[in-house]
């Protein structure tokens, strides 16, 4: 599964929020030993959907309609990255959310996304 190939991802609850975290490994890095921007975008995409499932209780396939990110700082090899997502709005067909990713406690990525509410999942999210 895609999440397993790019993780492992860890989850923790913080009040009504789901925090998603991951340790940056060599395979996630670019040649300068910093987590690759594409990997950070993948992490954000997965973390936001996991948070939508948990926080909004929408257990549906959630294809990404739009994902925008600002890279604020690097996430070096070995750092712990953690995402906290806020759901901004839920409509009949779309979910709008924003996410802040920290690397060892410092802001690294600010992202926003729009996700389509697709078919219901037959089993819980991974």
Protein backbone atom coordinates (compact mmCIF):
# COMPACT_ATOMS: atom_id res chain seq x y z
CA UNK A 1 0.00 0.00 0.00
CA UNK A 2 1.16 3.53 -0.81
CA UNK A 3 1.09 4.80 2.79
CA UNK A 4 3.22 1.87 3.99
CA UNK A 5 5.76 2.42 1.20
CA UNK A 6 6.23 6.07 2.15
CA UNK A 7 5.98 5.83 5.94
CA UNK A 8 5.80 4.46 8.42
CA UNK A 9 3.32 7.02 9.70
CA UNK A 10 2.38 7.40 13.35
CA UNK A 11 -0.79 8.87 14.81
CA UNK A 12 -1.60 10.57 18.09
CA UNK A 13 -4.64 12.44 19.38
CA UNK A 14 -4.43 16.01 20.57
CA UNK A 15 -7.91 16.96 21.74
CA UNK A 16 -10.14 16.79 18.65
CA UNK A 17 -7.14 16.74 16.31
CA UNK A 18 -5.21 13.83 14.85
CA UNK A 19 -1.47 14.42 14.71
CA UNK A 20 0.40 12.44 12.06
CA UNK A 21 4.15 11.99 12.37
CA UNK A 22 7.09 10.34 10.68
CA UNK A 23 10.86 10.02 11.14
CA UNK A 24 12.78 11.26 8.07
CA UNK A 25 14.81 8.35 6.71
CA UNK A 26 17.57 8.32 4.06
CA UNK A 27 15.07 7.08 1.44
CA UNK A 28 12.95 10.21 2.00
CA UNK A 29 15.87 12.59 1.36
CA UNK A 30 17.38 14.46 -1.53
CA UNK A 31 21.18 14.38 -2.15
CA UNK A 32 21.77 17.00 0.58
CA UNK A 33 20.16 14.78 3.29
CA UNK A 34 17.05 16.98 3.55
CA UNK A 35 13.58 15.47 3.18
CA UNK A 36 12.63 15.81 -0.49
CA UNK A 37 9.90 18.35 -1.24
CA UNK A 38 7.93 15.69 -3.10
CA UNK A 39 8.05 13.46 -0.02
CA UNK A 40 6.86 16.35 2.15
CA UNK A 41 3.95 16.93 -0.25
CA UNK A 42 3.12 13.21 -0.11
CA UNK A 43 3.26 13.32 3.70
CA UNK A 44 0.98 16.38 3.80
CA UNK A 45 -1.53 14.77 1.42
CA UNK A 46 -1.69 11.56 3.45
CA UNK A 47 -1.79 13.38 6.81
CA UNK A 48 -4.61 15.70 5.76
CA UNK A 49 -6.83 12.86 4.52
CA UNK A 50 -6.15 10.83 7.68
CA UNK A 51 -7.10 13.89 9.77
CA UNK A 52 -10.30 14.43 7.76
CA UNK A 53 -11.31 10.81 8.37
CA UNK A 54 -10.68 11.18 12.11
CA UNK A 55 -11.78 14.75 12.80
CA UNK A 56 -14.77 15.07 10.45
CA UNK A 57 -15.76 11.39 10.66
CA UNK A 58 -15.95 11.24 6.85
CA UNK A 59 -14.86 7.68 6.05
CA UNK A 60 -14.85 8.04 2.28
CA UNK A 61 -12.28 7.86 -0.49
CA UNK A 62 -10.90 11.42 -0.60
CA UNK A 63 -9.17 12.23 -3.89
CA UNK A 64 -7.13 15.42 -3.79
CA UNK A 65 -8.57 18.25 -5.89
CA UNK A 66 -5.94 20.84 -4.98
CA UNK A 67 -2.88 20.84 -2.73
CA UNK A 68 -0.74 23.91 -2.20
CA UNK A 69 2.30 24.16 0.04
CA UNK A 70 4.85 26.69 1.21
CA UNK A 71 8.18 25.23 2.27
CA UNK A 72 9.31 27.24 5.29
CA UNK A 73 12.40 25.26 6.33
CA UNK A 74 14.10 21.97 5.63
CA UNK A 75 13.48 18.69 7.45
CA UNK A 76 16.90 17.04 7.81
CA UNK A 77 17.62 13.33 7.84
CA UNK A 78 16.59 11.90 11.22
CA UNK A 79 14.19 14.69 12.11
CA UNK A 80 10.68 14.01 13.40
CA UNK A 81 8.06 15.63 11.17
CA UNK A 82 4.55 16.09 12.47
CA UNK A 83 1.40 17.40 10.81
CA UNK A 84 -1.56 19.09 12.47
CA UNK A 85 -4.60 19.65 10.26
CA UNK A 86 -7.49 22.04 10.69
CA UNK A 87 -10.68 21.42 8.74
CA UNK A 88 -11.97 24.73 7.45
CA UNK A 89 -15.19 23.75 5.71
CA UNK A 90 -17.15 20.66 4.70
CA UNK A 91 -19.70 20.82 1.89
CA UNK A 92 -21.76 18.03 0.30
CA UNK A 93 -18.93 17.20 -2.10
CA UNK A 94 -15.73 18.85 -0.82
CA UNK A 95 -13.59 19.28 2.28
CA UNK A 96 -11.29 22.30 2.68
CA UNK A 97 -8.40 21.97 5.11
CA UNK A 98 -5.08 23.46 6.12
CA UNK A 99 -2.05 21.83 7.67
CA UNK A 100 1.13 22.87 9.44
CA UNK A 101 4.09 20.50 9.46
CA UNK A 102 6.89 20.90 11.96
CA UNK A 103 10.35 19.34 11.84
CA UNK A 104 11.72 18.73 15.33
CA UNK A 105 9.30 21.38 16.61
CA UNK A 106 10.08 24.12 14.04
CA UNK A 107 7.65 25.12 11.28
CA UNK A 108 8.66 23.43 8.01
CA UNK A 109 5.60 23.36 5.70
CA UNK A 110 2.32 25.26 5.54
CA UNK A 111 -0.25 23.64 3.26
CA UNK A 112 -3.86 23.91 2.19
CA UNK A 113 -5.93 21.35 0.36
CA UNK A 114 -9.28 20.63 -1.18
CA UNK A 115 -10.52 17.02 -1.18
CA UNK A 116 -13.51 15.49 -2.96
CA UNK A 117 -15.81 13.30 -0.89
CA UNK A 118 -15.85 10.10 -2.91
CA UNK A 119 -17.44 6.70 -2.31
CA UNK A 120 -17.71 5.37 1.24
CA UNK A 121 -14.85 3.10 2.30
CA UNK A 122 -15.86 -0.46 3.14
CA UNK A 123 -13.26 -0.58 5.91
CA UNK A 124 -11.64 2.05 8.10
CA UNK A 125 -8.83 4.26 6.75
CA UNK A 126 -5.26 2.95 6.97
